[in-house]
Every structure is written in structure tokens, then in C-alpha cells.
């Protein structure tokens, strides 16, 4: 399955984790060597407030229809899907794989912690330094694919994700209210 996660209810809490695997070894002299594996993914634990059966039904039917971790869908995390800066337009230049400074033509500003997405990328990046107007936009992680001269998404940023487990569950508590949380990982 695929599709867009229903935005009918707001999450009560969202925990976002940055996963950057490394290879580390420690010698007998306790000297440490490490290097990044060049991979990165965002992980999220999303919890919803107690919901009535009617309010919960759209979420539950969407989740079970994903077929466990097989489905890839888009999710826009409340509080983080829109830029905090004043940006009204942003276009990236052509940049190579591995770049962490992207030349952009921009009206307004992007701030540290804003999430963005480049055209033709499923990967979501985070802005690491404030930028006002056009210039070099610092991002993390490094580009996993080259950018094109195209618009940059800075509001309603959709994360392409999948469930981290094939098992999904909810609980029904007092007053017939349903409690649900999910763990998802970026699927790029």
C-alpha cells in the first residue's frame, strides 16, 4: 500500500530520531577509529491522544492496510512539517551527491531545524544554519542524490516512511477511547 497518512487528528507527541550508522573499532591501546557509513534515516515515534472510535477509524484502517513494514507512505509530522522561517519561495541549483552546502535562490529565510525536500528526492534534509535570502544553504545529511534546478519544498514537507514493525496494535480504554502509537522510519 502507499498513500498519505490521514491528517484528520493531531498527534499528542512526536519523538524524532536521527539515525546515522557508523563503524567504530577500539584497539587494545584504547585508540578509537570510526567512520560514517554514508547512510541516514529519520525515525519517529508518534503517539495520539485518546480518540473516539469514529475519530480513530481512519488512522487504524490506513495503518492495517499498509501490510506491516511493506508499505511506504507519506507522513507530515505536526509541528515540523512547515518551515519556521519566512521563506516564500526557494529554488536549488544543480549540486552533486555528497554536498552539504546547496546554492539556493530564496525569498525570505530558512532557520536551523527546518526540514526541506528537494525536487525528485524522497529524502528529507534538515537546515543546519540560518539563511536569509539567496546563498549557500547548509543541510544534513549530505545529498544522497544530485539536485536539479527546481523548487525546494519547505512547507507541508512529506516524509516517505514505513512502519518499523509488522505488528500494529491499539488499546480501547475507559469511555470507549482508543489509544494508539506507531513507530516509523524514513524509507528512501
C-alpha atoms as a PDB file:
ATOM      1  CA  UNK A   1       0.000   0.000   0.000  1.00  0.00           C
ATOM      2  CA  UNK A   2       1.006   3.601  -0.163  1.00  0.00           C
ATOM      3  CA  UNK A   3      -0.728   6.924   0.124  1.00  0.00           C
ATOM      4  CA  UNK A   4      -0.717   9.782   2.583  1.00  0.00           C
ATOM      5  CA  UNK A   5      -1.252   9.208   6.291  1.00  0.00           C
ATOM      6  CA  UNK A   6      -4.590  10.771   7.311  1.00  0.00           C
ATOM      7  CA  UNK A   7      -4.191  14.238   8.821  1.00  0.00           C
ATOM      8  CA  UNK A   8      -7.613  14.106  10.474  1.00  0.00           C
ATOM      9  CA  UNK A   9      -6.154  14.004  14.018  1.00  0.00           C
ATOM     10  CA  UNK A  10      -3.122  15.710  15.544  1.00  0.00           C
ATOM     11  CA  UNK A  11      -0.531  13.669  17.389  1.00  0.00           C
ATOM     12  CA  UNK A  12      -0.179  14.142  21.149  1.00  0.00           C
ATOM     13  CA  UNK A  13       3.594  13.677  20.922  1.00  0.00           C
ATOM     14  CA  UNK A  14       6.270  13.051  18.310  1.00  0.00           C
ATOM     15  CA  UNK A  15       9.787  11.861  19.030  1.00  0.00           C
ATOM     16  CA  UNK A  16      12.158  12.312  16.071  1.00  0.00           C
ATOM     17  CA  UNK A  17      15.418  10.355  15.959  1.00  0.00           C
ATOM     18  CA  UNK A  18      18.312  10.909  13.556  1.00  0.00           C
ATOM     19  CA  UNK A  19      19.932   7.571  12.642  1.00  0.00           C
ATOM     20  CA  UNK A  20      23.483   7.847  11.218  1.00  0.00           C
ATOM     21  CA  UNK A  21      25.170   4.417  11.362  1.00  0.00           C
ATOM     22  CA  UNK A  22      28.932   4.359  11.950  1.00  0.00           C
ATOM     23  CA  UNK A  23      31.647   1.737  12.047  1.00  0.00           C
ATOM     24  CA  UNK A  24      33.742   2.028  15.196  1.00  0.00           C
ATOM     25  CA  UNK A  25      36.640  -0.039  16.484  1.00  0.00           C
ATOM     26  CA  UNK A  26      38.736   0.300  19.615  1.00  0.00           C
ATOM     27  CA  UNK A  27      42.307  -1.007  19.600  1.00  0.00           C
ATOM     28  CA  UNK A  28      43.949  -2.709  22.585  1.00  0.00           C
ATOM     29  CA  UNK A  29      45.674   0.622  23.288  1.00  0.00           C
ATOM     30  CA  UNK A  30      42.130   2.086  23.516  1.00  0.00           C
ATOM     31  CA  UNK A  31      42.701   4.162  20.393  1.00  0.00           C
ATOM     32  CA  UNK A  32      39.353   4.729  18.699  1.00  0.00           C
ATOM     33  CA  UNK A  33      38.679   4.762  14.968  1.00  0.00           C
ATOM     34  CA  UNK A  34      35.313   5.456  13.413  1.00  0.00           C
ATOM     35  CA  UNK A  35      33.810   6.432  10.120  1.00  0.00           C
ATOM     36  CA  UNK A  36      30.339   7.107   8.880  1.00  0.00           C
ATOM     37  CA  UNK A  37      28.708   4.626   6.547  1.00  0.00           C
ATOM     38  CA  UNK A  38      27.226   7.388   4.401  1.00  0.00           C
ATOM     39  CA  UNK A  39      23.684   6.438   5.334  1.00  0.00           C
ATOM     40  CA  UNK A  40      20.981   8.313   7.221  1.00  0.00           C
ATOM     41  CA  UNK A  41      17.313   7.922   8.137  1.00  0.00           C
ATOM     42  CA  UNK A  42      14.786   9.794  10.256  1.00  0.00           C
ATOM     43  CA  UNK A  43      12.823   7.682  12.714  1.00  0.00           C
ATOM     44  CA  UNK A  44       9.683   8.807  14.544  1.00  0.00           C
ATOM     45  CA  UNK A  45       7.598   7.568  17.435  1.00  0.00           C
ATOM     46  CA  UNK A  46       4.160   9.121  17.087  1.00  0.00           C
ATOM     47  CA  UNK A  47       1.533   8.904  19.838  1.00  0.00           C
ATOM     48  CA  UNK A  48      -2.071  10.017  19.554  1.00  0.00           C
ATOM     49  CA  UNK A  49      -4.339  11.262  22.331  1.00  0.00           C
ATOM     50  CA  UNK A  50      -7.279   9.040  23.298  1.00  0.00           C
ATOM     51  CA  UNK A  51      -9.674   9.079  20.346  1.00  0.00           C
ATOM     52  CA  UNK A  52     -13.271   8.017  19.867  1.00  0.00           C
ATOM     53  CA  UNK A  53     -13.823   5.029  17.603  1.00  0.00           C
ATOM     54  CA  UNK A  54     -15.131   7.323  14.862  1.00  0.00           C
ATOM     55  CA  UNK A  55     -12.042   9.567  15.063  1.00  0.00           C
ATOM     56  CA  UNK A  56      -9.653   6.601  15.249  1.00  0.00           C
ATOM     57  CA  UNK A  57     -11.142   4.568  12.370  1.00  0.00           C
ATOM     58  CA  UNK A  58      -9.404   6.452   9.527  1.00  0.00           C
ATOM     59  CA  UNK A  59      -5.995   6.065  11.205  1.00  0.00           C
ATOM     60  CA  UNK A  60      -6.451   2.370  12.017  1.00  0.00           C
ATOM     61  CA  UNK A  61      -7.770   1.369   8.591  1.00  0.00           C
ATOM     62  CA  UNK A  62      -4.864   3.205   6.922  1.00  0.00           C
ATOM     63  CA  UNK A  63      -2.261   1.531   9.169  1.00  0.00           C
ATOM     64  CA  UNK A  64      -3.524  -2.050   8.761  1.00  0.00           C
ATOM     65  CA  UNK A  65      -3.807  -1.511   5.009  1.00  0.00           C
ATOM     66  CA  UNK A  66      -0.009  -0.896   4.867  1.00  0.00           C
ATOM     67  CA  UNK A  67       0.682  -4.617   5.305  1.00  0.00           C
ATOM     68  CA  UNK A  68       3.128  -4.102   8.174  1.00  0.00           C
ATOM     69  CA  UNK A  69       6.502  -2.708   7.143  1.00  0.00           C
ATOM     70  CA  UNK A  70       5.901  -3.461   3.454  1.00  0.00           C
ATOM     71  CA  UNK A  71       4.003  -0.261   2.705  1.00  0.00           C
ATOM     72  CA  UNK A  72       5.655   3.088   2.086  1.00  0.00           C
ATOM     73  CA  UNK A  73       3.523   6.155   2.744  1.00  0.00           C
ATOM     74  CA  UNK A  74       3.939   9.866   3.357  1.00  0.00           C
ATOM     75  CA  UNK A  75       3.703  11.384   6.826  1.00  0.00           C
ATOM     76  CA  UNK A  76       3.803  15.087   7.736  1.00  0.00           C
ATOM     77  CA  UNK A  77       4.777  15.473  11.400  1.00  0.00           C
ATOM     78  CA  UNK A  78       2.750  18.069  13.302  1.00  0.00           C
ATOM     79  CA  UNK A  79       4.902  21.000  14.372  1.00  0.00           C
ATOM     80  CA  UNK A  80       7.746  20.123  11.977  1.00  0.00           C
ATOM     81  CA  UNK A  81       6.177  19.895   8.518  1.00  0.00           C
ATOM     82  CA  UNK A  82       6.361  23.670   7.927  1.00  0.00           C
ATOM     83  CA  UNK A  83       9.435  25.934   7.960  1.00  0.00           C
ATOM     84  CA  UNK A  84       9.723  28.351  10.883  1.00  0.00           C
ATOM     85  CA  UNK A  85      11.462  30.894   8.663  1.00  0.00           C
ATOM     86  CA  UNK A  86       9.767  33.478   6.479  1.00  0.00           C
ATOM     87  CA  UNK A  87      10.538  31.709   3.189  1.00  0.00           C
ATOM     88  CA  UNK A  88       8.022  32.249   0.386  1.00  0.00           C
ATOM     89  CA  UNK A  89       9.993  30.655  -2.460  1.00  0.00           C
ATOM     90  CA  UNK A  90      13.171  28.608  -2.756  1.00  0.00           C
ATOM     91  CA  UNK A  91      14.880  27.036  -5.756  1.00  0.00           C
ATOM     92  CA  UNK A  92      18.003  24.890  -5.636  1.00  0.00           C
ATOM     93  CA  UNK A  93      20.885  24.929  -8.077  1.00  0.00           C
ATOM     94  CA  UNK A  94      22.420  21.770  -9.525  1.00  0.00           C
ATOM     95  CA  UNK A  95      24.542  20.145  -6.801  1.00  0.00           C
ATOM     96  CA  UNK A  96      26.413  16.838  -6.716  1.00  0.00           C
ATOM     97  CA  UNK A  97      25.904  13.860  -4.442  1.00  0.00           C
ATOM     98  CA  UNK A  98      27.604  14.436  -1.087  1.00  0.00           C
ATOM     99  CA  UNK A  99      27.143  18.221  -0.963  1.00  0.00           C
ATOM    100  CA  UNK A 100      26.185  19.778   2.384  1.00  0.00           C
ATOM    101  CA  UNK A 101      26.080  23.381   1.134  1.00  0.00           C
ATOM    102  CA  UNK A 102      23.418  23.904  -1.525  1.00  0.00           C
ATOM    103  CA  UNK A 103      23.209  27.080  -3.610  1.00  0.00           C
ATOM    104  CA  UNK A 104      19.641  28.387  -3.448  1.00  0.00           C
ATOM    105  CA  UNK A 105      17.706  31.353  -4.776  1.00  0.00           C
ATOM    106  CA  UNK A 106      15.316  32.244  -1.988  1.00  0.00           C
ATOM    107  CA  UNK A 107      12.846  34.900  -0.887  1.00  0.00           C
ATOM    108  CA  UNK A 108      12.702  35.051   2.904  1.00  0.00           C
ATOM    109  CA  UNK A 109      14.621  32.885   5.344  1.00  0.00           C
ATOM    110  CA  UNK A 110      15.055  29.287   6.461  1.00  0.00           C
ATOM    111  CA  UNK A 111      16.090  28.590  10.047  1.00  0.00           C
ATOM    112  CA  UNK A 112      18.139  25.887  11.763  1.00  0.00           C
ATOM    113  CA  UNK A 113      15.947  22.857  12.311  1.00  0.00           C
ATOM    114  CA  UNK A 114      13.631  23.485   9.347  1.00  0.00           C
ATOM    115  CA  UNK A 115      13.013  20.344   7.282  1.00  0.00           C
ATOM    116  CA  UNK A 116      13.188  20.592   3.475  1.00  0.00           C
ATOM    117  CA  UNK A 117      12.884  18.329   0.472  1.00  0.00           C
ATOM    118  CA  UNK A 118      14.460  18.750  -2.952  1.00  0.00           C
ATOM    119  CA  UNK A 119      12.582  18.029  -6.190  1.00  0.00           C
ATOM    120  CA  UNK A 120      12.929  14.390  -7.281  1.00  0.00           C
ATOM    121  CA  UNK A 121      14.222  13.393  -3.799  1.00  0.00           C
ATOM    122  CA  UNK A 122      12.341  11.169  -1.364  1.00  0.00           C
ATOM    123  CA  UNK A 123      14.929  12.053   1.315  1.00  0.00           C
ATOM    124  CA  UNK A 124      14.174  14.846   3.799  1.00  0.00           C
ATOM    125  CA  UNK A 125      17.023  17.113   4.945  1.00  0.00           C
ATOM    126  CA  UNK A 126      17.343  19.481   7.908  1.00  0.00           C
ATOM    127  CA  UNK A 127      18.712  23.028   7.672  1.00  0.00           C
ATOM    128  CA  UNK A 128      21.787  23.377   9.928  1.00  0.00           C
ATOM    129  CA  UNK A 129      22.430  27.151   9.692  1.00  0.00           C
ATOM    130  CA  UNK A 130      20.029  30.081   9.302  1.00  0.00           C
ATOM    131  CA  UNK A 131      19.948  31.607   5.820  1.00  0.00           C
ATOM    132  CA  UNK A 132      18.201  34.806   4.775  1.00  0.00           C
ATOM    133  CA  UNK A 133      17.876  35.417   1.057  1.00  0.00           C
ATOM    134  CA  UNK A 134      19.845  33.622  -1.638  1.00  0.00           C
ATOM    135  CA  UNK A 135      23.133  31.902  -0.871  1.00  0.00           C
ATOM    136  CA  UNK A 136      24.608  28.649   0.424  1.00  0.00           C
ATOM    137  CA  UNK A 137      22.070  26.607   2.409  1.00  0.00           C
ATOM    138  CA  UNK A 138      23.726  24.231   4.905  1.00  0.00           C
ATOM    139  CA  UNK A 139      21.948  20.883   5.293  1.00  0.00           C
ATOM    140  CA  UNK A 140      22.232  17.498   6.994  1.00  0.00           C
ATOM    141  CA  UNK A 141      22.755  14.817   5.881  1.00  0.00           C
ATOM    142  CA  UNK A 142      24.860  15.187   2.750  1.00  0.00           C
ATOM    143  CA  UNK A 143      22.904  14.870  -0.512  1.00  0.00           C
ATOM    144  CA  UNK A 144      22.159  11.247  -1.386  1.00  0.00           C
ATOM    145  CA  UNK A 145      21.315  12.231  -4.981  1.00  0.00           C
ATOM    146  CA  UNK A 146      22.178  15.211  -7.140  1.00  0.00           C
ATOM    147  CA  UNK A 147      19.809  18.164  -7.094  1.00  0.00           C
ATOM    148  CA  UNK A 148      18.353  19.837 -10.138  1.00  0.00           C
ATOM    149  CA  UNK A 149      17.480  23.486 -10.639  1.00  0.00           C
ATOM    150  CA  UNK A 150      13.998  23.105  -9.180  1.00  0.00           C
ATOM    151  CA  UNK A 151      11.727  24.202  -6.350  1.00  0.00           C
ATOM    152  CA  UNK A 152      12.538  23.184  -2.777  1.00  0.00           C
ATOM    153  CA  UNK A 153       9.649  22.045  -0.564  1.00  0.00           C
ATOM    154  CA  UNK A 154       9.716  23.889   2.776  1.00  0.00           C
ATOM    155  CA  UNK A 155       6.047  23.740   3.872  1.00  0.00           C
ATOM    156  CA  UNK A 156       3.960  20.565   4.135  1.00  0.00           C
ATOM    157  CA  UNK A 157       7.174  18.527   3.856  1.00  0.00           C
ATOM    158  CA  UNK A 158       6.186  14.873   3.366  1.00  0.00           C
ATOM    159  CA  UNK A 159       8.456  12.201   4.845  1.00  0.00           C
ATOM    160  CA  UNK A 160       8.376   8.906   2.870  1.00  0.00           C
ATOM    161  CA  UNK A 161       8.152   6.319   5.666  1.00  0.00           C
ATOM    162  CA  UNK A 162       7.249   2.754   6.530  1.00  0.00           C
ATOM    163  CA  UNK A 163       6.226   1.075   9.763  1.00  0.00           C
ATOM    164  CA  UNK A 164       9.147  -0.412  11.723  1.00  0.00           C
ATOM    165  CA  UNK A 165       7.149  -3.466  12.778  1.00  0.00           C
ATOM    166  CA  UNK A 166       4.790  -5.886  11.095  1.00  0.00           C
ATOM    167  CA  UNK A 167       2.685  -5.866  14.272  1.00  0.00           C
ATOM    168  CA  UNK A 168       0.392  -2.928  14.982  1.00  0.00           C
ATOM    169  CA  UNK A 169      -1.946  -2.629  17.954  1.00  0.00           C
ATOM    170  CA  UNK A 170      -4.252  -0.242  19.752  1.00  0.00           C
ATOM    171  CA  UNK A 171      -5.987  -0.328  23.084  1.00  0.00           C
ATOM    172  CA  UNK A 172      -9.519   0.600  23.996  1.00  0.00           C
ATOM    173  CA  UNK A 173      -9.859   2.187  27.398  1.00  0.00           C
ATOM    174  CA  UNK A 174     -12.453   3.897  29.566  1.00  0.00           C
ATOM    175  CA  UNK A 175     -15.201   5.868  27.861  1.00  0.00           C
ATOM    176  CA  UNK A 176     -14.629   3.818  24.688  1.00  0.00           C
ATOM    177  CA  UNK A 177     -11.493   5.856  23.845  1.00  0.00           C
ATOM    178  CA  UNK A 178      -8.768   4.325  21.669  1.00  0.00           C
ATOM    179  CA  UNK A 179      -5.044   4.797  22.304  1.00  0.00           C
ATOM    180  CA  UNK A 180      -2.522   4.295  19.514  1.00  0.00           C
ATOM    181  CA  UNK A 181       1.124   4.945  18.767  1.00  0.00           C
ATOM    182  CA  UNK A 182       3.294   3.993  15.821  1.00  0.00           C
ATOM    183  CA  UNK A 183       6.994   3.756  15.051  1.00  0.00           C
ATOM    184  CA  UNK A 184       8.031   4.730  11.536  1.00  0.00           C
ATOM    185  CA  UNK A 185      11.330   5.051   9.676  1.00  0.00           C
ATOM    186  CA  UNK A 186      12.226   7.024   6.573  1.00  0.00           C
ATOM    187  CA  UNK A 187      12.080   4.727   3.534  1.00  0.00           C
ATOM    188  CA  UNK A 188      14.483   6.163   0.956  1.00  0.00           C
END
